[in-house]
Amino acid sequence: MITRALVVASVLVQERVYEWGWGMHPMWGLWGIWGIGMMLFMFLFWGLVIVGIVVGIRWLVRQGRPEVADSALEILRQRYARGEINREEFEAKRRDLAR
């Protein structure tokens, strides 16, 4: 008898009257705004994850390449060292490359 009363009591405790109808479902609070908001945050989360992966891969790929500006400056230094250009021309071109 006590077991039967405990079973009935546990069933009654678990009953959620507020979730019986569609209008009372927690996802439909404020005319469906909660459900739409959760969906938008899900898209935002996965969008950020995908963007983070793409940016990370691009960063890893760039780690192995020398930068173009450094190679151009190196060529300019070599030309100056060989005497192909004078100091004024070297400084003017170096300022142009720095921009």
Protein backbone atom coordinates (compact mmCIF):
# COMPACT_ATOMS: atom_id res chain seq x y z
CA MET A 1 0.00 0.00 0.00
CA ILE A 2 2.79 2.41 0.84
CA THR A 3 4.58 1.41 -2.37
CA ARG A 4 1.47 2.12 -4.41
CA ALA A 5 1.07 5.51 -2.74
CA LEU A 6 4.73 6.38 -3.47
CA VAL A 7 4.33 5.40 -7.13
CA VAL A 8 1.19 7.55 -7.48
CA ALA A 9 2.87 10.44 -5.66
CA SER A 10 5.98 10.25 -7.90
CA VAL A 11 3.78 10.32 -11.02
CA LEU A 12 1.86 13.34 -9.73
CA VAL A 13 5.07 15.17 -8.84
CA GLN A 14 6.45 14.70 -12.37
CA GLU A 15 3.29 15.95 -14.07
CA ARG A 16 3.77 19.37 -15.67
CA VAL A 17 0.42 20.91 -16.33
CA TYR A 18 1.92 24.06 -17.85
CA GLU A 19 3.36 22.10 -20.81
CA TRP A 20 0.12 20.48 -21.96
CA GLY A 21 -0.86 22.96 -24.68
CA TRP A 22 1.12 24.49 -27.53
CA GLY A 23 0.50 27.96 -26.20
CA MET A 24 2.19 27.11 -22.95
CA HIS A 25 5.33 25.44 -24.32
CA PRO A 26 8.53 27.16 -23.10
CA MET A 27 9.83 27.57 -26.69
CA TRP A 28 6.72 29.55 -27.61
CA GLY A 29 7.05 32.19 -24.89
CA LEU A 30 6.30 35.71 -26.10
CA TRP A 31 4.62 34.54 -29.34
CA GLY A 32 7.51 32.33 -30.45
CA ILE A 33 10.31 34.81 -29.87
CA TRP A 34 12.29 32.41 -27.67
CA GLY A 35 12.34 29.71 -30.32
CA ILE A 36 13.37 32.15 -33.06
CA GLY A 37 16.02 33.68 -30.78
CA MET A 38 17.47 30.26 -29.99
CA MET A 39 17.60 29.44 -33.69
CA LEU A 40 19.39 32.73 -34.48
CA PHE A 41 21.92 32.15 -31.72
CA MET A 42 22.54 28.65 -33.07
CA PHE A 43 23.27 30.10 -36.54
CA LEU A 44 25.51 32.76 -34.98
CA PHE A 45 27.42 30.13 -32.98
CA TRP A 46 28.02 27.85 -35.96
CA GLY A 47 28.88 30.83 -38.16
CA LEU A 48 31.55 31.91 -35.67
CA VAL A 49 32.90 28.36 -35.47
CA ILE A 50 33.17 28.13 -39.27
CA VAL A 51 34.75 31.60 -39.57
CA GLY A 52 37.23 30.69 -36.84
CA ILE A 53 38.23 27.50 -38.65
CA VAL A 54 38.67 29.33 -41.97
CA VAL A 55 40.74 32.12 -40.37
CA GLY A 56 42.86 29.55 -38.54
CA ILE A 57 43.56 27.58 -41.71
CA ARG A 58 44.45 30.74 -43.64
CA TRP A 59 46.79 31.79 -40.84
CA LEU A 60 48.51 28.40 -40.86
CA VAL A 61 48.92 28.50 -44.65
CA ARG A 62 50.50 31.96 -44.52
CA GLN A 63 53.07 30.88 -41.92
CA GLY A 64 55.18 29.08 -44.54
CA ARG A 65 55.26 31.90 -47.12
CA PRO A 66 57.58 34.88 -47.06
CA GLU A 67 55.83 38.21 -47.29
CA VAL A 68 55.89 40.07 -50.59
CA ALA A 69 56.94 43.37 -49.06
CA ASP A 70 60.01 41.78 -47.44
CA SER A 71 61.13 40.19 -50.71
CA ALA A 72 60.72 43.51 -52.56
CA LEU A 73 62.76 45.28 -49.90
CA GLU A 74 65.40 42.57 -50.12
CA ILE A 75 65.67 43.06 -53.90
CA LEU A 76 65.98 46.81 -53.33
CA ARG A 77 68.79 46.26 -50.81
CA GLN A 78 70.61 43.98 -53.24
CA ARG A 79 70.39 46.57 -56.03
CA TYR A 80 71.74 49.23 -53.67
CA ALA A 81 74.56 46.92 -52.55
CA ARG A 82 75.53 46.22 -56.19
CA GLY A 83 75.59 49.95 -56.91
CA GLU A 84 72.72 49.93 -59.41
CA ILE A 85 70.93 52.71 -57.51
CA ASN A 86 72.21 55.56 -55.35
CA ARG A 87 71.28 56.34 -51.74
CA GLU A 88 68.56 58.91 -52.56
CA GLU A 89 66.86 56.52 -54.96
CA PHE A 90 67.13 53.70 -52.40
CA GLU A 91 65.54 55.82 -49.65
CA ALA A 92 62.72 57.01 -51.94
CA LYS A 93 61.87 53.46 -53.03
CA ARG A 94 62.10 52.15 -49.46
CA ARG A 95 59.59 54.79 -48.31
CA ASP A 96 57.28 53.79 -51.18
CA LEU A 97 57.46 50.15 -50.12
CA ALA A 98 56.72 51.04 -46.50
CA ARG A 99 53.34 52.54 -47.44
